Amino acid sequence: MRPPPEFPPLPALTRAEGEFIDRYLEVLDQIGRINPARGSDTYGALRAAQALASHAGALRDALALMHERGETRIHTATLTRALRVLDGERRAGRVTVPPAPPS
């Protein structure tokens, strides 16, 4: 039996930064499900749009908590590494319009 693949470790994050990244990815996932260039049915998009409101509120709360704790800077390099480890590039790709087919 093969061992499970090893994923790169997450960079060291504060609890608030981890919450920020998690909530951001949830919002990104919902927007990707709503994307009319990638979706296939209105019901799935409707459900994602309904969920988006609560996820956006949780993202706002995570950022407010960071600010309240004095975490006034977003450490771009560290959070970018965390997004990559958590498959953020693929998840963000669902938000974009797919490239046009060759003509």
C-alpha atoms as a PDB file:
ATOM      1  CA  MET A   1       0.000   0.000   0.000  1.00  0.00           C
ATOM      2  CA  ARG A   2       1.352   3.401  -0.983  1.00  0.00           C
ATOM      3  CA  PRO A   3       1.643   6.077   1.675  1.00  0.00           C
ATOM      4  CA  PRO A   4      -0.464   9.193   1.096  1.00  0.00           C
ATOM      5  CA  PRO A   5       1.302  12.021  -0.747  1.00  0.00           C
ATOM      6  CA  GLU A   6       3.148  14.523   1.387  1.00  0.00           C
ATOM      7  CA  PHE A   7       1.950  18.059   1.007  1.00  0.00           C
ATOM      8  CA  PRO A   8       4.255  20.998   1.632  1.00  0.00           C
ATOM      9  CA  PRO A   9       3.841  22.404   5.120  1.00  0.00           C
ATOM     10  CA  LEU A  10       1.780  25.507   5.659  1.00  0.00           C
ATOM     11  CA  PRO A  11       3.834  28.537   6.609  1.00  0.00           C
ATOM     12  CA  ALA A  12       3.529  29.713  10.193  1.00  0.00           C
ATOM     13  CA  LEU A  13       0.361  31.790  10.456  1.00  0.00           C
ATOM     14  CA  THR A  14      -1.372  33.477  13.338  1.00  0.00           C
ATOM     15  CA  ARG A  15      -4.754  32.011  14.145  1.00  0.00           C
ATOM     16  CA  ALA A  16      -6.375  35.125  12.654  1.00  0.00           C
ATOM     17  CA  GLU A  17      -4.320  34.815   9.439  1.00  0.00           C
ATOM     18  CA  GLY A  18      -5.334  31.183   9.126  1.00  0.00           C
ATOM     19  CA  GLU A  19      -8.970  32.154   9.570  1.00  0.00           C
ATOM     20  CA  PHE A  20      -8.568  34.904   6.958  1.00  0.00           C
ATOM     21  CA  ILE A  21      -7.113  32.462   4.415  1.00  0.00           C
ATOM     22  CA  ASP A  22      -9.781  29.821   5.112  1.00  0.00           C
ATOM     23  CA  ARG A  23     -12.643  32.303   4.772  1.00  0.00           C
ATOM     24  CA  TYR A  24     -11.109  33.862   1.631  1.00  0.00           C
ATOM     25  CA  LEU A  25     -10.921  30.453  -0.029  1.00  0.00           C
ATOM     26  CA  GLU A  26     -14.542  29.717   0.902  1.00  0.00           C
ATOM     27  CA  VAL A  27     -15.625  32.960  -0.799  1.00  0.00           C
ATOM     28  CA  LEU A  28     -13.477  32.126  -3.812  1.00  0.00           C
ATOM     29  CA  ASP A  29     -15.035  28.665  -4.065  1.00  0.00           C
ATOM     30  CA  GLN A  30     -18.558  30.100  -4.023  1.00  0.00           C
ATOM     31  CA  ILE A  31     -17.758  32.703  -6.674  1.00  0.00           C
ATOM     32  CA  GLY A  32     -16.246  29.939  -8.800  1.00  0.00           C
ATOM     33  CA  ARG A  33     -19.506  27.974  -8.522  1.00  0.00           C
ATOM     34  CA  ILE A  34     -21.496  31.042  -9.571  1.00  0.00           C
ATOM     35  CA  ASN A  35     -19.270  31.824 -12.583  1.00  0.00           C
ATOM     36  CA  PRO A  36     -21.575  31.639 -15.628  1.00  0.00           C
ATOM     37  CA  ALA A  37     -18.630  30.720 -17.865  1.00  0.00           C
ATOM     38  CA  ARG A  38     -18.044  27.533 -15.888  1.00  0.00           C
ATOM     39  CA  GLY A  39     -21.387  26.529 -14.379  1.00  0.00           C
ATOM     40  CA  SER A  40     -23.921  24.154 -15.802  1.00  0.00           C
ATOM     41  CA  ASP A  41     -27.157  24.804 -13.911  1.00  0.00           C
ATOM     42  CA  THR A  42     -28.971  27.667 -12.246  1.00  0.00           C
ATOM     43  CA  TYR A  43     -29.766  25.737  -9.069  1.00  0.00           C
ATOM     44  CA  GLY A  44     -26.088  25.166  -8.256  1.00  0.00           C
ATOM     45  CA  ALA A  45     -25.310  28.824  -8.939  1.00  0.00           C
ATOM     46  CA  LEU A  46     -28.262  29.906  -6.798  1.00  0.00           C
ATOM     47  CA  ARG A  47     -27.100  27.756  -3.874  1.00  0.00           C
ATOM     48  CA  ALA A  48     -23.568  29.133  -4.198  1.00  0.00           C
ATOM     49  CA  ALA A  49     -24.894  32.712  -4.282  1.00  0.00           C
ATOM     50  CA  GLN A  50     -26.913  32.072  -1.135  1.00  0.00           C
ATOM     51  CA  ALA A  51     -23.858  30.639   0.637  1.00  0.00           C
ATOM     52  CA  LEU A  52     -21.670  33.501  -0.566  1.00  0.00           C
ATOM     53  CA  ALA A  53     -23.388  35.994   1.726  1.00  0.00           C
ATOM     54  CA  SER A  54     -22.577  34.061   4.896  1.00  0.00           C
ATOM     55  CA  HIS A  55     -19.035  33.271   3.754  1.00  0.00           C
ATOM     56  CA  ALA A  56     -18.425  36.944   2.927  1.00  0.00           C
ATOM     57  CA  GLY A  57     -19.601  37.876   6.420  1.00  0.00           C
ATOM     58  CA  ALA A  58     -17.194  35.355   7.943  1.00  0.00           C
ATOM     59  CA  LEU A  59     -14.369  36.786   5.821  1.00  0.00           C
ATOM     60  CA  ARG A  60     -15.224  40.291   7.038  1.00  0.00           C
ATOM     61  CA  ASP A  61     -15.217  39.044  10.635  1.00  0.00           C
ATOM     62  CA  ALA A  62     -11.809  37.376  10.182  1.00  0.00           C
ATOM     63  CA  LEU A  63     -10.321  40.607   8.851  1.00  0.00           C
ATOM     64  CA  ALA A  64     -11.937  42.638  11.630  1.00  0.00           C
ATOM     65  CA  LEU A  65     -10.433  40.275  14.207  1.00  0.00           C
ATOM     66  CA  MET A  66      -6.982  40.663  12.655  1.00  0.00           C
ATOM     67  CA  HIS A  67      -7.336  44.430  12.795  1.00  0.00           C
ATOM     68  CA  GLU A  68      -8.587  44.388  16.397  1.00  0.00           C
ATOM     69  CA  ARG A  69      -5.605  42.258  17.436  1.00  0.00           C
ATOM     70  CA  GLY A  70      -3.226  44.778  15.943  1.00  0.00           C
ATOM     71  CA  GLU A  71      -2.429  42.703  12.875  1.00  0.00           C
ATOM     72  CA  THR A  72      -2.567  45.691  10.557  1.00  0.00           C
ATOM     73  CA  ARG A  73      -0.349  44.304   7.788  1.00  0.00           C
ATOM     74  CA  ILE A  74      -1.133  41.551   5.337  1.00  0.00           C
ATOM     75  CA  HIS A  75       2.067  39.555   4.929  1.00  0.00           C
ATOM     76  CA  THR A  76       1.684  38.920   1.220  1.00  0.00           C
ATOM     77  CA  ALA A  77       4.559  36.478   0.710  1.00  0.00           C
ATOM     78  CA  THR A  78       3.537  34.258   3.639  1.00  0.00           C
ATOM     79  CA  LEU A  79      -0.165  34.288   2.792  1.00  0.00           C
ATOM     80  CA  THR A  80       0.600  33.612  -0.882  1.00  0.00           C
ATOM     81  CA  ARG A  81       2.557  30.509   0.150  1.00  0.00           C
ATOM     82  CA  ALA A  82      -0.397  29.398   2.281  1.00  0.00           C
ATOM     83  CA  LEU A  83      -2.786  29.916  -0.645  1.00  0.00           C
ATOM     84  CA  ARG A  84      -0.572  27.805  -2.901  1.00  0.00           C
ATOM     85  CA  VAL A  85      -0.368  24.973  -0.357  1.00  0.00           C
ATOM     86  CA  LEU A  86      -4.177  25.067  -0.039  1.00  0.00           C
ATOM     87  CA  ASP A  87      -4.692  24.834  -3.828  1.00  0.00           C
ATOM     88  CA  GLY A  88      -5.592  28.505  -4.141  1.00  0.00           C
ATOM     89  CA  GLU A  89      -4.341  28.804  -7.712  1.00  0.00           C
ATOM     90  CA  ARG A  90      -6.712  26.124  -9.000  1.00  0.00           C
ATOM     91  CA  ARG A  91      -9.564  27.480  -6.915  1.00  0.00           C
ATOM     92  CA  ALA A  92      -8.961  31.033  -8.170  1.00  0.00           C
ATOM     93  CA  GLY A  93      -8.870  29.722 -11.735  1.00  0.00           C
ATOM     94  CA  ARG A  94     -12.551  28.805 -11.471  1.00  0.00           C
ATOM     95  CA  VAL A  95     -13.380  32.512 -11.080  1.00  0.00           C
ATOM     96  CA  THR A  96     -11.886  33.522 -14.428  1.00  0.00           C
ATOM     97  CA  VAL A  97     -13.341  33.253 -17.921  1.00  0.00           C
ATOM     98  CA  PRO A  98     -11.812  30.272 -19.725  1.00  0.00           C
ATOM     99  CA  PRO A  99      -9.561  31.089 -22.683  1.00  0.00           C
ATOM    100  CA  ALA A 100     -11.251  31.322 -26.067  1.00  0.00           C
ATOM    101  CA  PRO A 101     -10.886  28.207 -28.211  1.00  0.00           C
ATOM    102  CA  PRO A 102      -8.416  28.532 -31.057  1.00  0.00           C
ATOM    103  CA  SER A 103     -10.050  29.732 -34.245  1.00  0.00           C
END
